[in-house]
Amino acid sequence: MNNHPARHRLRQLEGRLWECICGQDHVIPRVMSIIERAELGLQPYGRPKGSLLFLGPTGVGKTQMTLEIAECLFGKEGMVRFDMSEFLHLDQVKLFTGEGRGDSGRLGIALEKHSQGVLLFDEIEKAHPRIWDLFLQMIDAARITLGDHRQRDLSQFYIICTTNIGSENLLRRRGLPFTTLERAVLSRLHTYFRPELVARFDEKLVFCPLSYSVQRKIAYAALIAETARMRQKGYHLELEESAVECVIRNGMHSALGARPMKQTVLRHVGDAICADLKDGGNGCGRLIADRQGEKLIIIT
């Protein structure tokens, strides 16, 4: 069996994760361990390629890591995401699994379109407990029988679930070592879900909140990417330190983490160029924060 293409994808994926996922250095090697064994054909027969449970606050890289895994291994259409808050009540379970002949639910529709890839179940704790029971079969045997009574094979999929359970322990860290906080989060996890479900995941990985240095790295990278995009449109901008500070102040959110960062950068840089053009400028110059630190402006 020629594994050269797999090895190339794995090297590419590892590089992407170290480049794009900031502040979670403890997670990347454990994720890569699962994926390397799966892609090189070392996983046990009759199980998904990998099953991962990502824990931590919103906006710390859980979904971004899943996107990078899916895109590197399966292409841009490689991930199927389910918002599990849509299946909170008992009468919504059938939306997920289908009911009766010809109705396989949203999961069945996704599996008809994709024979391999990454299945992301976002905020799994918000789903009805009856759906949690389905994961026992999905993870343990890599198969699922849906409402139309047909069985689907999941052996060519990675199953990744995210949850915010225990995030309050991380956000109130007060100088405690991360290993202590990690144990507290995993303890909460075991009181929330049935032990047999928790035990079935290959890895349970706790993502930590983003430190200021990590926030700065994310803000700077987003500004570099956006100013490069603007350069292609003819607007040459030179970043100043105050611009980075402004974006951190406006792009980080106590509840959403770094999730609003990209949109914040897009809006602030775009507004600065628009304001400069309206004032008779050419949209080029030094990009800095205004005196209040609330918006970006261009000076020459």
C-alpha atoms as a PDB file:
ATOM      1  CA  MET A   1       0.000   0.000   0.000  1.00  0.00           C
ATOM      2  CA  ASN A   2       1.413   3.348  -1.053  1.00  0.00           C
ATOM      3  CA  ASN A   3       1.038   5.812   1.807  1.00  0.00           C
ATOM      4  CA  HIS A   4       3.018   8.682   0.265  1.00  0.00           C
ATOM      5  CA  PRO A   5      -0.094  10.825  -0.428  1.00  0.00           C
ATOM      6  CA  ALA A   6      -1.287  10.256   3.156  1.00  0.00           C
ATOM      7  CA  ARG A   7       2.075  11.285   4.571  1.00  0.00           C
ATOM      8  CA  HIS A   8       2.034  14.456   2.479  1.00  0.00           C
ATOM      9  CA  ARG A   9      -1.464  15.383   3.711  1.00  0.00           C
ATOM     10  CA  LEU A  10      -0.443  14.724   7.297  1.00  0.00           C
ATOM     11  CA  ARG A  11       2.601  16.990   7.057  1.00  0.00           C
ATOM     12  CA  GLN A  12       0.460  19.678   5.440  1.00  0.00           C
ATOM     13  CA  LEU A  13      -2.225  19.359   8.127  1.00  0.00           C
ATOM     14  CA  GLU A  14       0.223  19.526  11.027  1.00  0.00           C
ATOM     15  CA  GLY A  15       1.803  22.648   9.551  1.00  0.00           C
ATOM     16  CA  ARG A  16      -1.609  24.266   9.125  1.00  0.00           C
ATOM     17  CA  LEU A  17      -2.640  23.513  12.698  1.00  0.00           C
ATOM     18  CA  TRP A  18       0.545  25.005  14.161  1.00  0.00           C
ATOM     19  CA  GLU A  19       0.099  28.054  11.925  1.00  0.00           C
ATOM     20  CA  CYS A  20      -3.625  28.684  12.413  1.00  0.00           C
ATOM     21  CA  ILE A  21      -4.548  27.406  15.880  1.00  0.00           C
ATOM     22  CA  CYS A  22      -3.154  29.833  18.443  1.00  0.00           C
ATOM     23  CA  GLY A  23      -2.772  29.153  22.145  1.00  0.00           C
ATOM     24  CA  GLN A  24      -3.639  25.441  22.053  1.00  0.00           C
ATOM     25  CA  ASP A  25      -0.198  23.870  21.723  1.00  0.00           C
ATOM     26  CA  HIS A  26      -1.142  21.083  24.148  1.00  0.00           C
ATOM     27  CA  VAL A  27      -4.015  19.960  21.875  1.00  0.00           C
ATOM     28  CA  ILE A  28      -2.325  19.722  18.467  1.00  0.00           C
ATOM     29  CA  PRO A  29      -0.002  16.729  19.139  1.00  0.00           C
ATOM     30  CA  ARG A  30      -2.871  14.671  20.587  1.00  0.00           C
ATOM     31  CA  VAL A  31      -5.130  15.470  17.621  1.00  0.00           C
ATOM     32  CA  MET A  32      -2.361  14.614  15.171  1.00  0.00           C
ATOM     33  CA  SER A  33      -1.740  11.292  16.934  1.00  0.00           C
ATOM     34  CA  ILE A  34      -5.337  10.201  16.248  1.00  0.00           C
ATOM     35  CA  ILE A  35      -5.318  11.436  12.663  1.00  0.00           C
ATOM     36  CA  GLU A  36      -1.921   9.966  11.768  1.00  0.00           C
ATOM     37  CA  ARG A  37      -2.969   6.510  12.945  1.00  0.00           C
ATOM     38  CA  ALA A  38      -6.243   6.767  11.044  1.00  0.00           C
ATOM     39  CA  GLU A  39      -4.770   8.045   7.782  1.00  0.00           C
ATOM     40  CA  LEU A  40      -2.028   5.419   7.823  1.00  0.00           C
ATOM     41  CA  GLY A  41      -4.546   2.615   8.306  1.00  0.00           C
ATOM     42  CA  LEU A  42      -3.731   1.753  11.927  1.00  0.00           C
ATOM     43  CA  GLN A  43      -7.157   2.321  13.497  1.00  0.00           C
ATOM     44  CA  PRO A  44      -9.190  -0.768  14.562  1.00  0.00           C
ATOM     45  CA  TYR A  45     -11.676  -2.094  12.008  1.00  0.00           C
ATOM     46  CA  GLY A  46     -15.329  -1.179  12.513  1.00  0.00           C
ATOM     47  CA  ARG A  47     -14.804   2.187  14.179  1.00  0.00           C
ATOM     48  CA  PRO A  48     -14.846   5.764  12.871  1.00  0.00           C
ATOM     49  CA  LYS A  49     -11.501   7.095  11.671  1.00  0.00           C
ATOM     50  CA  GLY A  50     -11.388   9.053  14.908  1.00  0.00           C
ATOM     51  CA  SER A  51     -13.723  10.405  17.575  1.00  0.00           C
ATOM     52  CA  LEU A  52     -12.806  13.618  19.376  1.00  0.00           C
ATOM     53  CA  LEU A  53     -14.551  15.692  22.021  1.00  0.00           C
ATOM     54  CA  PHE A  54     -13.406  19.325  22.154  1.00  0.00           C
ATOM     55  CA  LEU A  55     -14.204  21.193  25.377  1.00  0.00           C
ATOM     56  CA  GLY A  56     -13.744  24.871  26.164  1.00  0.00           C
ATOM     57  CA  PRO A  57     -15.202  28.363  25.812  1.00  0.00           C
ATOM     58  CA  THR A  58     -16.508  29.771  22.553  1.00  0.00           C
ATOM     59  CA  GLY A  59     -13.977  31.362  20.200  1.00  0.00           C
ATOM     60  CA  VAL A  60     -10.800  29.537  21.246  1.00  0.00           C
ATOM     61  CA  GLY A  61     -10.233  27.419  18.127  1.00  0.00           C
ATOM     62  CA  LYS A  62     -12.421  24.300  18.445  1.00  0.00           C
ATOM     63  CA  THR A  63     -14.380  24.860  15.232  1.00  0.00           C
ATOM     64  CA  GLN A  64     -11.371  26.327  13.414  1.00  0.00           C
ATOM     65  CA  MET A  65      -9.333  23.208  14.159  1.00  0.00           C
ATOM     66  CA  THR A  66     -12.157  21.033  12.840  1.00  0.00           C
ATOM     67  CA  LEU A  67     -12.332  23.101   9.643  1.00  0.00           C
ATOM     68  CA  GLU A  68      -8.576  22.771   9.077  1.00  0.00           C
ATOM     69  CA  ILE A  69      -8.724  18.996   9.569  1.00  0.00           C
ATOM     70  CA  ALA A  70     -11.621  18.626   7.157  1.00  0.00           C
ATOM     71  CA  GLU A  71     -10.180  20.873   4.458  1.00  0.00           C
ATOM     72  CA  CYS A  72      -6.675  19.383   4.516  1.00  0.00           C
ATOM     73  CA  LEU A  73      -7.893  15.788   4.445  1.00  0.00           C
ATOM     74  CA  PHE A  74     -11.086  15.992   2.383  1.00  0.00           C
ATOM     75  CA  GLY A  75     -11.215  19.353   0.594  1.00  0.00           C
ATOM     76  CA  LYS A  76     -13.366  22.442   1.080  1.00  0.00           C
ATOM     77  CA  GLU A  77     -16.609  20.426   1.271  1.00  0.00           C
ATOM     78  CA  GLY A  78     -15.149  17.925   3.718  1.00  0.00           C
ATOM     79  CA  MET A  79     -16.993  19.047   6.850  1.00  0.00           C
ATOM     80  CA  VAL A  80     -20.661  18.645   7.705  1.00  0.00           C
ATOM     81  CA  ARG A  81     -21.733  20.704  10.733  1.00  0.00           C
ATOM     82  CA  PHE A  82     -24.765  20.116  12.925  1.00  0.00           C
ATOM     83  CA  ASP A  83     -25.879  22.764  15.428  1.00  0.00           C
ATOM     84  CA  MET A  84     -27.113  20.475  18.176  1.00  0.00           C
ATOM     85  CA  SER A  85     -29.141  23.245  19.832  1.00  0.00           C
ATOM     86  CA  GLU A  86     -31.630  22.653  17.004  1.00  0.00           C
ATOM     87  CA  PHE A  87     -32.405  19.237  18.488  1.00  0.00           C
ATOM     88  CA  LEU A  88     -33.009  20.274  22.093  1.00  0.00           C
ATOM     89  CA  HIS A  89     -36.544  18.919  22.557  1.00  0.00           C
ATOM     90  CA  LEU A  90     -37.899  15.398  22.180  1.00  0.00           C
ATOM     91  CA  ASP A  91     -40.119  16.368  19.252  1.00  0.00           C
ATOM     92  CA  GLN A  92     -37.009  17.649  17.399  1.00  0.00           C
ATOM     93  CA  VAL A  93     -35.119  14.350  17.616  1.00  0.00           C
ATOM     94  CA  LYS A  94     -36.904  13.109  14.488  1.00  0.00           C
ATOM     95  CA  LEU A  95     -35.557  16.114  12.570  1.00  0.00           C
ATOM     96  CA  PHE A  96     -32.113  14.658  13.206  1.00  0.00           C
ATOM     97  CA  THR A  97     -32.844  10.950  12.662  1.00  0.00           C
ATOM     98  CA  GLY A  98     -35.879  11.018  10.378  1.00  0.00           C
ATOM     99  CA  GLU A  99     -39.088   9.079  10.838  1.00  0.00           C
ATOM    100  CA  GLY A 100     -40.405   6.289   8.666  1.00  0.00           C
ATOM    101  CA  ARG A 101     -39.872   5.281   5.090  1.00  0.00           C
ATOM    102  CA  GLY A 102     -38.180   7.855   2.867  1.00  0.00           C
ATOM    103  CA  ASP A 103     -37.215  10.145   5.767  1.00  0.00           C
ATOM    104  CA  SER A 104     -33.664   9.761   7.081  1.00  0.00           C
ATOM    105  CA  GLY A 105     -33.468  13.160   8.808  1.00  0.00           C
ATOM    106  CA  ARG A 106     -30.704  15.701   8.521  1.00  0.00           C
ATOM    107  CA  LEU A 107     -28.014  13.185   9.436  1.00  0.00           C
ATOM    108  CA  GLY A 108     -29.188  10.779   6.743  1.00  0.00           C
ATOM    109  CA  ILE A 109     -29.293  13.529   4.111  1.00  0.00           C
ATOM    110  CA  ALA A 110     -25.707  14.466   4.952  1.00  0.00           C
ATOM    111  CA  LEU A 111     -24.543  10.847   4.754  1.00  0.00           C
ATOM    112  CA  GLU A 112     -26.189  10.421   1.365  1.00  0.00           C
ATOM    113  CA  LYS A 113     -24.147  13.360   0.035  1.00  0.00           C
ATOM    114  CA  HIS A 114     -20.845  12.413   1.684  1.00  0.00           C
ATOM    115  CA  SER A 115     -19.146   9.018   1.817  1.00  0.00           C
ATOM    116  CA  GLN A 116     -16.259  10.348   3.935  1.00  0.00           C
ATOM    117  CA  GLY A 117     -15.224  13.483   5.800  1.00  0.00           C
ATOM    118  CA  VAL A 118     -15.651  15.148   9.182  1.00  0.00           C
ATOM    119  CA  LEU A 119     -18.966  15.218  11.043  1.00  0.00           C
ATOM    120  CA  LEU A 120     -18.991  18.141  13.482  1.00  0.00           C
ATOM    121  CA  PHE A 121     -21.649  18.077  16.190  1.00  0.00           C
ATOM    122  CA  ASP A 122     -21.489  21.537  17.726  1.00  0.00           C
ATOM    123  CA  GLU A 123     -22.518  22.079  21.363  1.00  0.00           C
ATOM    124  CA  ILE A 124     -23.541  18.466  21.844  1.00  0.00           C
ATOM    125  CA  GLU A 125     -24.693  19.157  25.404  1.00  0.00           C
ATOM    126  CA  LYS A 126     -27.687  21.064  23.993  1.00  0.00           C
ATOM    127  CA  ALA A 127     -29.102  18.042  22.149  1.00  0.00           C
ATOM    128  CA  HIS A 128     -31.825  15.876  23.654  1.00  0.00           C
ATOM    129  CA  PRO A 129     -30.422  12.915  25.666  1.00  0.00           C
ATOM    130  CA  ARG A 130     -32.018  10.505  23.198  1.00  0.00           C
ATOM    131  CA  ILE A 131     -29.601  11.808  20.579  1.00  0.00           C
ATOM    132  CA  TRP A 132     -26.684  11.270  22.952  1.00  0.00           C
ATOM    133  CA  ASP A 133     -27.624   7.587  22.982  1.00  0.00           C
ATOM    134  CA  LEU A 134     -27.126   7.438  19.205  1.00  0.00           C
ATOM    135  CA  PHE A 135     -23.471   8.380  19.661  1.00  0.00           C
ATOM    136  CA  LEU A 136     -22.849   5.140  21.551  1.00  0.00           C
ATOM    137  CA  GLN A 137     -23.575   3.241  18.344  1.00  0.00           C
ATOM    138  CA  MET A 138     -21.931   5.788  16.051  1.00  0.00           C
ATOM    139  CA  ILE A 139     -18.612   5.830  17.894  1.00  0.00           C
ATOM    140  CA  ASP A 140     -18.436   2.232  19.086  1.00  0.00           C
ATOM    141  CA  ALA A 141     -19.502   0.474  15.865  1.00  0.00           C
ATOM    142  CA  ALA A 142     -19.172   3.175  13.164  1.00  0.00           C
ATOM    143  CA  ARG A 143     -22.765   2.705  12.095  1.00  0.00           C
ATOM    144  CA  ILE A 144     -26.157   4.258  12.690  1.00  0.00           C
ATOM    145  CA  THR A 145     -29.697   3.080  11.956  1.00  0.00           C
ATOM    146  CA  LEU A 146     -31.920   6.054  11.177  1.00  0.00           C
ATOM    147  CA  GLY A 147     -35.675   6.591  11.070  1.00  0.00           C
ATOM    148  CA  ASP A 148     -36.036   4.967   7.647  1.00  0.00           C
ATOM    149  CA  HIS A 149     -34.606   1.751   9.190  1.00  0.00           C
ATOM    150  CA  ARG A 150     -31.561   1.761   6.914  1.00  0.00           C
ATOM    151  CA  GLN A 151     -28.104   1.388   8.393  1.00  0.00           C
ATOM    152  CA  ARG A 152     -25.326   3.833   7.479  1.00  0.00           C
ATOM    153  CA  ASP A 153     -21.597   3.194   7.606  1.00  0.00           C
ATOM    154  CA  LEU A 154     -19.472   5.829   9.413  1.00  0.00           C
ATOM    155  CA  SER A 155     -16.099   4.098   9.194  1.00  0.00           C
ATOM    156  CA  GLN A 156     -14.718   6.698   6.754  1.00  0.00           C
ATOM    157  CA  PHE A 157     -15.645   9.669   8.940  1.00  0.00           C
ATOM    158  CA  TYR A 158     -14.077  11.552  11.803  1.00  0.00           C
ATOM    159  CA  ILE A 159     -16.669  12.340  14.475  1.00  0.00           C
ATOM    160  CA  ILE A 160     -15.913  15.579  16.336  1.00  0.00           C
ATOM    161  CA  CYS A 161     -18.152  16.982  19.049  1.00  0.00           C
ATOM    162  CA  THR A 162     -17.764  20.320  20.816  1.00  0.00           C
ATOM    163  CA  THR A 163     -19.139  21.387  24.171  1.00  0.00           C
ATOM    164  CA  ASN A 164     -18.952  24.385  26.503  1.00  0.00           C
ATOM    165  CA  ILE A 165     -19.419  22.215  29.595  1.00  0.00           C
ATOM    166  CA  GLY A 166     -17.107  23.387  32.367  1.00  0.00           C
ATOM    167  CA  SER A 167     -16.066  26.572  30.559  1.00  0.00           C
ATOM    168  CA  GLU A 168     -16.857  28.662  33.619  1.00  0.00           C
ATOM    169  CA  ASN A 169     -14.011  26.862  35.400  1.00  0.00           C
ATOM    170  CA  LEU A 170     -11.616  28.004  32.679  1.00  0.00           C
ATOM    171  CA  LEU A 171     -12.877  31.589  32.525  1.00  0.00           C
ATOM    172  CA  ARG A 172     -12.503  31.981  36.302  1.00  0.00           C
ATOM    173  CA  ARG A 173      -8.962  30.633  36.283  1.00  0.00           C
ATOM    174  CA  ARG A 174      -7.472  33.114  38.826  1.00  0.00           C
ATOM    175  CA  GLY A 175      -3.907  31.972  38.284  1.00  0.00           C
ATOM    176  CA  LEU A 176      -4.569  28.246  38.770  1.00  0.00           C
ATOM    177  CA  PRO A 177      -2.422  25.824  36.730  1.00  0.00           C
ATOM    178  CA  PHE A 178      -4.099  24.692  33.551  1.00  0.00           C
ATOM    179  CA  THR A 179      -3.823  21.032  34.565  1.00  0.00           C
ATOM    180  CA  THR A 180      -5.956  21.803  37.651  1.00  0.00           C
ATOM    181  CA  LEU A 181      -8.573  23.568  35.511  1.00  0.00           C
ATOM    182  CA  GLU A 182      -8.497  20.741  32.978  1.00  0.00           C
ATOM    183  CA  ARG A 183      -9.312  18.196  35.685  1.00  0.00           C
ATOM    184  CA  ALA A 184     -12.204  20.370  36.879  1.00  0.00           C
ATOM    185  CA  VAL A 185     -13.653  20.589  33.349  1.00  0.00           C
ATOM    186  CA  LEU A 186     -13.364  16.837  32.755  1.00  0.00           C
ATOM    187  CA  SER A 187     -14.973  16.198  36.133  1.00  0.00           C
ATOM    188  CA  ARG A 188     -17.965  18.315  35.083  1.00  0.00           C
ATOM    189  CA  LEU A 189     -18.107  16.396  31.816  1.00  0.00           C
ATOM    190  CA  HIS A 190     -18.414  13.075  33.642  1.00  0.00           C
ATOM    191  CA  THR A 191     -21.296  14.374  35.768  1.00  0.00           C
ATOM    192  CA  TYR A 192     -23.169  15.656  32.689  1.00  0.00           C
ATOM    193  CA  PHE A 193     -22.927  12.711  30.264  1.00  0.00           C
ATOM    194  CA  ARG A 194     -23.250   8.995  30.856  1.00  0.00           C
ATOM    195  CA  PRO A 195     -19.825   7.467  31.608  1.00  0.00           C
ATOM    196  CA  GLU A 196     -20.116   4.964  28.754  1.00  0.00           C
ATOM    197  CA  LEU A 197     -20.514   7.808  26.225  1.00  0.00           C
ATOM    198  CA  VAL A 198     -17.565   9.811  27.551  1.00  0.00           C
ATOM    199  CA  ALA A 199     -15.379   6.712  27.568  1.00  0.00           C
ATOM    200  CA  ARG A 200     -15.990   5.979  23.894  1.00  0.00           C
ATOM    201  CA  PHE A 201     -14.268   9.111  22.569  1.00  0.00           C
ATOM    202  CA  ASP A 202     -10.682   8.525  21.451  1.00  0.00           C
ATOM    203  CA  GLU A 203      -9.659  11.871  22.948  1.00  0.00           C
ATOM    204  CA  LYS A 204     -11.286  14.443  25.220  1.00  0.00           C
ATOM    205  CA  LEU A 205      -9.385  17.702  24.744  1.00  0.00           C
ATOM    206  CA  VAL A 206      -9.775  20.853  26.817  1.00  0.00           C
ATOM    207  CA  PHE A 207      -9.056  24.133  24.984  1.00  0.00           C
ATOM    208  CA  CYS A 208      -7.835  26.943  27.223  1.00  0.00           C
ATOM    209  CA  PRO A 209      -8.920  30.614  27.103  1.00  0.00           C
ATOM    210  CA  LEU A 210      -6.756  32.880  24.960  1.00  0.00           C
ATOM    211  CA  SER A 211      -4.031  34.828  26.744  1.00  0.00           C
ATOM    212  CA  TYR A 212      -3.310  38.424  25.776  1.00  0.00           C
ATOM    213  CA  SER A 213      -0.230  37.394  23.763  1.00  0.00           C
ATOM    214  CA  VAL A 214      -2.354  34.910  21.809  1.00  0.00           C
ATOM    215  CA  GLN A 215      -5.065  37.524  21.250  1.00  0.00           C
ATOM    216  CA  ARG A 216      -2.411  39.855  19.857  1.00  0.00           C
ATOM    217  CA  LYS A 217      -1.096  37.162  17.534  1.00  0.00           C
ATOM    218  CA  ILE A 218      -4.613  36.504  16.195  1.00  0.00           C
ATOM    219  CA  ALA A 219      -5.319  40.230  15.733  1.00  0.00           C
ATOM    220  CA  TYR A 220      -2.013  40.845  13.962  1.00  0.00           C
ATOM    221  CA  ALA A 221      -2.513  37.871  11.620  1.00  0.00           C
ATOM    222  CA  ALA A 222      -6.034  39.030  10.755  1.00  0.00           C
ATOM    223  CA  LEU A 223      -4.794  42.561  10.020  1.00  0.00           C
ATOM    224  CA  ILE A 224      -1.932  41.266   7.858  1.00  0.00           C
ATOM    225  CA  ALA A 225      -4.360  39.113   5.864  1.00  0.00           C
ATOM    226  CA  GLU A 226      -6.833  41.962   5.360  1.00  0.00           C
ATOM    227  CA  THR A 227      -4.236  44.580   4.421  1.00  0.00           C
ATOM    228  CA  ALA A 228      -2.768  42.091   1.917  1.00  0.00           C
ATOM    229  CA  ARG A 229      -6.236  41.713   0.399  1.00  0.00           C
ATOM    230  CA  MET A 230      -6.621  45.496   0.217  1.00  0.00           C
ATOM    231  CA  ARG A 231      -3.187  45.786  -1.416  1.00  0.00           C
ATOM    232  CA  GLN A 232      -4.497  43.709  -4.305  1.00  0.00           C
ATOM    233  CA  LYS A 233      -7.190  46.361  -4.744  1.00  0.00           C
ATOM    234  CA  GLY A 234      -4.605  49.138  -4.848  1.00  0.00           C
ATOM    235  CA  TYR A 235      -4.741  50.315  -1.224  1.00  0.00           C
ATOM    236  CA  HIS A 236      -1.303  50.095   0.418  1.00  0.00           C
ATOM    237  CA  LEU A 237      -1.451  50.240   4.205  1.00  0.00           C
ATOM    238  CA  GLU A 238       1.339  50.124   6.775  1.00  0.00           C
ATOM    239  CA  LEU A 239       0.324  48.728  10.180  1.00  0.00           C
ATOM    240  CA  GLU A 240       1.061  50.652  13.365  1.00  0.00           C
ATOM    241  CA  GLU A 241       0.998  49.120  16.866  1.00  0.00           C
ATOM    242  CA  SER A 242      -2.048  51.148  17.893  1.00  0.00           C
ATOM    243  CA  ALA A 243      -4.059  49.501  15.092  1.00  0.00           C
ATOM    244  CA  VAL A 244      -3.379  46.066  16.560  1.00  0.00           C
ATOM    245  CA  GLU A 245      -4.401  47.260  20.049  1.00  0.00           C
ATOM    246  CA  CYS A 246      -7.607  48.756  18.662  1.00  0.00           C
ATOM    247  CA  VAL A 247      -8.552  45.499  16.960  1.00  0.00           C
ATOM    248  CA  ILE A 248      -7.892  43.482  20.117  1.00  0.00           C
ATOM    249  CA  ARG A 249     -10.080  45.864  22.133  1.00  0.00           C
ATOM    250  CA  ASN A 250     -12.947  45.686  19.659  1.00  0.00           C
ATOM    251  CA  GLY A 251     -12.525  42.179  18.261  1.00  0.00           C
ATOM    252  CA  MET A 252     -12.248  40.111  21.450  1.00  0.00           C
ATOM    253  CA  HIS A 253     -15.453  39.271  23.285  1.00  0.00           C
ATOM    254  CA  SER A 254     -15.797  37.969  26.847  1.00  0.00           C
ATOM    255  CA  ALA A 255     -18.334  35.325  25.776  1.00  0.00           C
ATOM    256  CA  LEU A 256     -17.381  34.758  22.116  1.00  0.00           C
ATOM    257  CA  GLY A 257     -13.579  34.849  22.412  1.00  0.00           C
ATOM    258  CA  ALA A 258     -11.823  35.595  19.114  1.00  0.00           C
ATOM    259  CA  ARG A 259     -14.801  34.596  16.974  1.00  0.00           C
ATOM    260  CA  PRO A 260     -15.728  38.241  16.070  1.00  0.00           C
ATOM    261  CA  MET A 261     -12.091  39.122  15.200  1.00  0.00           C
ATOM    262  CA  LYS A 262     -12.176  38.545  11.441  1.00  0.00           C
ATOM    263  CA  GLN A 263     -15.372  40.541  10.949  1.00  0.00           C
ATOM    264  CA  THR A 264     -14.059  43.324  13.213  1.00  0.00           C
ATOM    265  CA  VAL A 265     -10.873  43.645  11.157  1.00  0.00           C
ATOM    266  CA  LEU A 266     -12.788  43.628   7.878  1.00  0.00           C
ATOM    267  CA  ARG A 267     -15.127  46.380   9.100  1.00  0.00           C
ATOM    268  CA  HIS A 268     -12.490  48.596  10.696  1.00  0.00           C
ATOM    269  CA  VAL A 269     -10.022  48.448   7.816  1.00  0.00           C
ATOM    270  CA  GLY A 270     -12.794  48.969   5.270  1.00  0.00           C
ATOM    271  CA  ASP A 271     -14.221  51.928   7.202  1.00  0.00           C
ATOM    272  CA  ALA A 272     -10.764  53.522   7.445  1.00  0.00           C
ATOM    273  CA  ILE A 273     -10.256  53.307   3.674  1.00  0.00           C
ATOM    274  CA  CYS A 274     -13.760  54.631   2.978  1.00  0.00           C
ATOM    275  CA  ALA A 275     -13.267  57.588   5.334  1.00  0.00           C
ATOM    276  CA  ASP A 276      -9.907  58.441   3.753  1.00  0.00           C
ATOM    277  CA  LEU A 277     -11.351  58.320   0.239  1.00  0.00           C
ATOM    278  CA  LYS A 278     -14.267  60.578   1.247  1.00  0.00           C
ATOM    279  CA  ASP A 279     -11.768  63.064   2.670  1.00  0.00           C
ATOM    280  CA  GLY A 280      -9.934  63.234  -0.663  1.00  0.00           C
ATOM    281  CA  GLY A 281      -7.190  60.697   0.123  1.00  0.00           C
ATOM    282  CA  ASN A 282      -6.179  57.662  -1.920  1.00  0.00           C
ATOM    283  CA  GLY A 283      -6.797  54.988   0.724  1.00  0.00           C
ATOM    284  CA  CYS A 284      -3.060  54.502   1.326  1.00  0.00           C
ATOM    285  CA  GLY A 285      -0.831  55.332   4.284  1.00  0.00           C
ATOM    286  CA  ARG A 286      -0.230  54.330   7.897  1.00  0.00           C
ATOM    287  CA  LEU A 287      -3.083  52.511   9.609  1.00  0.00           C
ATOM    288  CA  ILE A 288      -3.452  53.659  13.224  1.00  0.00           C
ATOM    289  CA  ALA A 289      -6.115  53.902  15.930  1.00  0.00           C
ATOM    290  CA  ASP A 290      -7.887  57.199  16.539  1.00  0.00           C
ATOM    291  CA  ARG A 291      -7.366  59.041  19.848  1.00  0.00           C
ATOM    292  CA  GLN A 292     -10.194  57.177  21.542  1.00  0.00           C
ATOM    293  CA  GLY A 293      -8.907  53.829  20.317  1.00  0.00           C
ATOM    294  CA  GLU A 294     -12.336  52.978  18.943  1.00  0.00           C
ATOM    295  CA  LYS A 295     -11.685  52.973  15.198  1.00  0.00           C
ATOM    296  CA  LEU A 296      -8.884  52.867  12.649  1.00  0.00           C
ATOM    297  CA  ILE A 297      -7.795  55.838  10.568  1.00  0.00           C
ATOM    298  CA  ILE A 298      -5.248  56.393   7.801  1.00  0.00           C
ATOM    299  CA  ILE A 299      -2.540  59.023   8.032  1.00  0.00           C
ATOM    300  CA  THR A 300       0.189  59.871   5.548  1.00  0.00           C
END
